[in-house]
C-alpha atoms as a PDB file:
ATOM      1  CA  UNK A   1      92.712 107.242 112.992  1.00  0.00           C
ATOM      2  CA  UNK A   2      88.962 107.504 113.687  1.00  0.00           C
ATOM      3  CA  UNK A   3      88.263 107.751 109.956  1.00  0.00           C
ATOM      4  CA  UNK A   4      90.259 104.550 109.303  1.00  0.00           C
ATOM      5  CA  UNK A   5      88.326 102.693 112.042  1.00  0.00           C
ATOM      6  CA  UNK A   6      84.972 103.847 110.614  1.00  0.00           C
ATOM      7  CA  UNK A   7      85.933 102.850 107.064  1.00  0.00           C
ATOM      8  CA  UNK A   8      87.118  99.429 108.268  1.00  0.00           C
ATOM      9  CA  UNK A   9      83.973  98.921 110.342  1.00  0.00           C
ATOM     10  CA  UNK A  10      81.702  99.939 107.465  1.00  0.00           C
ATOM     11  CA  UNK A  11      83.549  97.655 105.036  1.00  0.00           C
ATOM     12  CA  UNK A  12      83.260  94.751 107.476  1.00  0.00           C
ATOM     13  CA  UNK A  13      79.505  95.253 107.931  1.00  0.00           C
ATOM     14  CA  UNK A  14      78.933  95.419 104.160  1.00  0.00           C
ATOM     15  CA  UNK A  15      81.109  92.340 103.570  1.00  0.00           C
ATOM     16  CA  UNK A  16      79.286  90.354 106.242  1.00  0.00           C
ATOM     17  CA  UNK A  17      75.977  91.354 104.712  1.00  0.00           C
ATOM     18  CA  UNK A  18      77.089  90.190 101.278  1.00  0.00           C
ATOM     19  CA  UNK A  19      78.455  86.909 102.618  1.00  0.00           C
ATOM     20  CA  UNK A  20      75.263  86.167 104.536  1.00  0.00           C
ATOM     21  CA  UNK A  21      73.114  86.982 101.522  1.00  0.00           C
ATOM     22  CA  UNK A  22      71.518  89.950 103.232  1.00  0.00           C
ATOM     23  CA  UNK A  23      71.541  93.087 101.143  1.00  0.00           C
ATOM     24  CA  UNK A  24      70.757  96.611 102.242  1.00  0.00           C
ATOM     25  CA  UNK A  25      67.097  97.579 101.840  1.00  0.00           C
ATOM     26  CA  UNK A  26      66.596  98.770  98.295  1.00  0.00           C
ATOM     27  CA  UNK A  27      62.817  98.742  98.113  1.00  0.00           C
ATOM     28  CA  UNK A  28      61.284 102.033  97.077  1.00  0.00           C
ATOM     29  CA  UNK A  29      57.697 102.207  98.300  1.00  0.00           C
ATOM     30  CA  UNK A  30      56.959 104.940  95.763  1.00  0.00           C
ATOM     31  CA  UNK A  31      58.033 102.754  92.821  1.00  0.00           C
ATOM     32  CA  UNK A  32      57.478  99.102  93.796  1.00  0.00           C
ATOM     33  CA  UNK A  33      58.976  96.397  91.644  1.00  0.00           C
ATOM     34  CA  UNK A  34      59.410  92.633  91.460  1.00  0.00           C
ATOM     35  CA  UNK A  35      59.935  91.115  94.911  1.00  0.00           C
ATOM     36  CA  UNK A  36      58.141  93.845  96.863  1.00  0.00           C
ATOM     37  CA  UNK A  37      55.212  92.795  99.074  1.00  0.00           C
ATOM     38  CA  UNK A  38      51.958  94.566  98.237  1.00  0.00           C
ATOM     39  CA  UNK A  39      48.938  94.557 100.539  1.00  0.00           C
ATOM     40  CA  UNK A  40      45.454  95.972 100.048  1.00  0.00           C
ATOM     41  CA  UNK A  41      43.055  96.363 102.980  1.00  0.00           C
ATOM     42  CA  UNK A  42      39.368  96.988 102.297  1.00  0.00           C
ATOM     43  CA  UNK A  43      37.084  97.962 105.207  1.00  0.00           C
ATOM     44  CA  UNK A  44      33.359  98.673 105.464  1.00  0.00           C
ATOM     45  CA  UNK A  45      30.733  99.257 108.117  1.00  0.00           C
ATOM     46  CA  UNK A  46      28.589  96.640 106.343  1.00  0.00           C
ATOM     47  CA  UNK A  47      29.336  92.965 105.686  1.00  0.00           C
ATOM     48  CA  UNK A  48      28.067  93.133 102.081  1.00  0.00           C
ATOM     49  CA  UNK A  49      29.557  95.522  99.531  1.00  0.00           C
ATOM     50  CA  UNK A  50      29.248  96.119  95.818  1.00  0.00           C
ATOM     51  CA  UNK A  51      32.801  95.374  94.651  1.00  0.00           C
ATOM     52  CA  UNK A  52      36.531  95.643  95.253  1.00  0.00           C
ATOM     53  CA  UNK A  53      39.280  96.197  92.686  1.00  0.00           C
ATOM     54  CA  UNK A  54      43.084  95.912  92.879  1.00  0.00           C
ATOM     55  CA  UNK A  55      46.172  95.322  90.751  1.00  0.00           C
ATOM     56  CA  UNK A  56      47.652  91.838  91.128  1.00  0.00           C
ATOM     57  CA  UNK A  57      51.277  90.625  91.228  1.00  0.00           C
ATOM     58  CA  UNK A  58      51.591  91.054  87.455  1.00  0.00           C
ATOM     59  CA  UNK A  59      50.046  94.543  87.341  1.00  0.00           C
ATOM     60  CA  UNK A  60      46.748  93.240  85.971  1.00  0.00           C
ATOM     61  CA  UNK A  61      43.488  94.673  87.271  1.00  0.00           C
ATOM     62  CA  UNK A  62      41.337  92.271  89.296  1.00  0.00           C
ATOM     63  CA  UNK A  63      37.794  92.810  90.475  1.00  0.00           C
ATOM     64  CA  UNK A  64      35.650  90.834  92.824  1.00  0.00           C
ATOM     65  CA  UNK A  65      33.080  89.645  92.242  1.00  0.00           C
ATOM     66  CA  UNK A  66      33.606  88.961  88.556  1.00  0.00           C
ATOM     67  CA  UNK A  67      29.830  88.816  88.050  1.00  0.00           C
ATOM     68  CA  UNK A  68      28.499  92.379  88.486  1.00  0.00           C
ATOM     69  CA  UNK A  69      25.121  91.060  89.627  1.00  0.00           C
ATOM     70  CA  UNK A  70      26.779  89.571  92.726  1.00  0.00           C
ATOM     71  CA  UNK A  71      28.078  91.281  95.869  1.00  0.00           C
ATOM     72  CA  UNK A  72      31.192  90.972  98.046  1.00  0.00           C
ATOM     73  CA  UNK A  73      30.774  89.510 101.529  1.00  0.00           C
ATOM     74  CA  UNK A  74      33.432  90.385 104.104  1.00  0.00           C
ATOM     75  CA  UNK A  75      33.880  87.789 106.857  1.00  0.00           C
ATOM     76  CA  UNK A  76      36.527  89.382 109.088  1.00  0.00           C
ATOM     77  CA  UNK A  77      35.267  91.743 111.782  1.00  0.00           C
ATOM     78  CA  UNK A  78      36.876  94.080 114.275  1.00  0.00           C
ATOM     79  CA  UNK A  79      35.736  96.814 116.631  1.00  0.00           C
ATOM     80  CA  UNK A  80      37.113 100.250 115.769  1.00  0.00           C
ATOM     81  CA  UNK A  81      38.302 102.832 118.267  1.00  0.00           C
ATOM     82  CA  UNK A  82      34.890 104.455 117.861  1.00  0.00           C
ATOM     83  CA  UNK A  83      33.218 101.316 119.248  1.00  0.00           C
ATOM     84  CA  UNK A  84      31.561 100.344 115.937  1.00  0.00           C
ATOM     85  CA  UNK A  85      31.947  96.952 114.290  1.00  0.00           C
ATOM     86  CA  UNK A  86      33.651  96.925 110.894  1.00  0.00           C
ATOM     87  CA  UNK A  87      34.085  94.206 108.279  1.00  0.00           C
ATOM     88  CA  UNK A  88      37.260  93.754 106.267  1.00  0.00           C
ATOM     89  CA  UNK A  89      39.152  91.738 103.710  1.00  0.00           C
ATOM     90  CA  UNK A  90      42.689  92.018 102.395  1.00  0.00           C
ATOM     91  CA  UNK A  91      44.835  90.901  99.489  1.00  0.00           C
ATOM     92  CA  UNK A  92      48.584  90.349  99.933  1.00  0.00           C
ATOM     93  CA  UNK A  93      51.096  89.173  97.345  1.00  0.00           C
ATOM     94  CA  UNK A  94      54.706  89.470  96.227  1.00  0.00           C
ATOM     95  CA  UNK A  95      55.087  91.526  93.061  1.00  0.00           C
ATOM     96  CA  UNK A  96      56.224  89.745  89.909  1.00  0.00           C
ATOM     97  CA  UNK A  97      56.216  92.927  87.834  1.00  0.00           C
ATOM     98  CA  UNK A  98      59.180  95.199  87.132  1.00  0.00           C
ATOM     99  CA  UNK A  99      56.821  98.187  87.152  1.00  0.00           C
ATOM    100  CA  UNK A 100      54.201  97.207  89.739  1.00  0.00           C
ATOM    101  CA  UNK A 101      50.930  99.126  89.623  1.00  0.00           C
ATOM    102  CA  UNK A 102      49.427  99.719  93.071  1.00  0.00           C
ATOM    103  CA  UNK A 103      45.877 100.936  93.406  1.00  0.00           C
ATOM    104  CA  UNK A 104      42.395  99.794  94.170  1.00  0.00           C
ATOM    105  CA  UNK A 105      38.932 100.717  95.291  1.00  0.00           C
ATOM    106  CA  UNK A 106      35.956  99.524  97.293  1.00  0.00           C
ATOM    107  CA  UNK A 107      32.365 100.393  96.435  1.00  0.00           C
ATOM    108  CA  UNK A 108      29.579 100.238  99.006  1.00  0.00           C
ATOM    109  CA  UNK A 109      26.387  98.355  98.256  1.00  0.00           C
ATOM    110  CA  UNK A 110      23.729 101.071  98.178  1.00  0.00           C
ATOM    111  CA  UNK A 111      21.057  98.419  98.748  1.00  0.00           C
ATOM    112  CA  UNK A 112      22.471  97.424 102.151  1.00  0.00           C
ATOM    113  CA  UNK A 113      19.669  98.792 104.284  1.00  0.00           C
ATOM    114  CA  UNK A 114      18.392 101.862 102.479  1.00  0.00           C
ATOM    115  CA  UNK A 115      19.738 104.200 105.156  1.00  0.00           C
ATOM    116  CA  UNK A 116      22.580 105.440 102.959  1.00  0.00           C
ATOM    117  CA  UNK A 117      24.996 105.502 105.887  1.00  0.00           C
ATOM    118  CA  UNK A 118      27.673 103.433 104.165  1.00  0.00           C
ATOM    119  CA  UNK A 119      31.310 103.833 105.158  1.00  0.00           C
ATOM    120  CA  UNK A 120      34.160 102.260 103.169  1.00  0.00           C
ATOM    121  CA  UNK A 121      37.920 102.654 103.225  1.00  0.00           C
ATOM    122  CA  UNK A 122      40.831 101.384 101.205  1.00  0.00           C
ATOM    123  CA  UNK A 123      44.520 101.236 102.153  1.00  0.00           C
ATOM    124  CA  UNK A 124      47.613 100.104 100.294  1.00  0.00           C
ATOM    125  CA  UNK A 125      50.924  99.005 101.771  1.00  0.00           C
ATOM    126  CA  UNK A 126      54.272  98.336 100.093  1.00  0.00           C
ATOM    127  CA  UNK A 127      56.701  96.293 102.194  1.00  0.00           C
ATOM    128  CA  UNK A 128      54.661  97.148 105.293  1.00  0.00           C
ATOM    129  CA  UNK A 129      54.660 100.913 104.671  1.00  0.00           C
ATOM    130  CA  UNK A 130      51.245 102.497 104.126  1.00  0.00           C
ATOM    131  CA  UNK A 131      51.311 104.260 100.755  1.00  0.00           C
ATOM    132  CA  UNK A 132      47.653 105.242 100.344  1.00  0.00           C
ATOM    133  CA  UNK A 133      44.517 105.613 102.450  1.00  0.00           C
ATOM    134  CA  UNK A 134      41.098 106.891 101.469  1.00  0.00           C
ATOM    135  CA  UNK A 135      37.607 106.628 102.867  1.00  0.00           C
ATOM    136  CA  UNK A 136      34.146 107.579 101.665  1.00  0.00           C
ATOM    137  CA  UNK A 137      30.692 107.818 103.204  1.00  0.00           C
ATOM    138  CA  UNK A 138      27.195 107.891 101.757  1.00  0.00           C
ATOM    139  CA  UNK A 139      24.771 105.841  99.736  1.00  0.00           C
ATOM    140  CA  UNK A 140      27.124 105.287  96.768  1.00  0.00           C
ATOM    141  CA  UNK A 141      30.393 105.529  98.700  1.00  0.00           C
ATOM    142  CA  UNK A 142      33.522 104.487  96.801  1.00  0.00           C
ATOM    143  CA  UNK A 143      37.021 104.838  98.271  1.00  0.00           C
ATOM    144  CA  UNK A 144      40.031 104.828  95.942  1.00  0.00           C
ATOM    145  CA  UNK A 145      43.552 104.040  97.085  1.00  0.00           C
END
């Protein structure tokens, strides 16, 4: 009797989901595909950095700035739990690729102030789930995610 009730209840829930257009979550954060939301977050302890790189919605590599003689300026700031001010930027998009590549990096600008105390970090998220995180410190710091 209990088995019959559970089967009926499960069938009803699935049917209602199909009727309403809601399907069970099928996104695999390890192998993102078309329709998945990808987000990159780049953070630095300096407002000016050398470059950032990421794969776009079509799996093509993008770098900013395109002119290597230029630098990246981050405009968003926040105070970390350590009390220091950090600068950040992010890129968010919905994948249009069947086999979505996810990866990026941020490179510090070694000319920032000559002190060499650069800190950068890079994070990736697929459908809101963090899939990679890396940080680096030093004059030529580059974090890959």
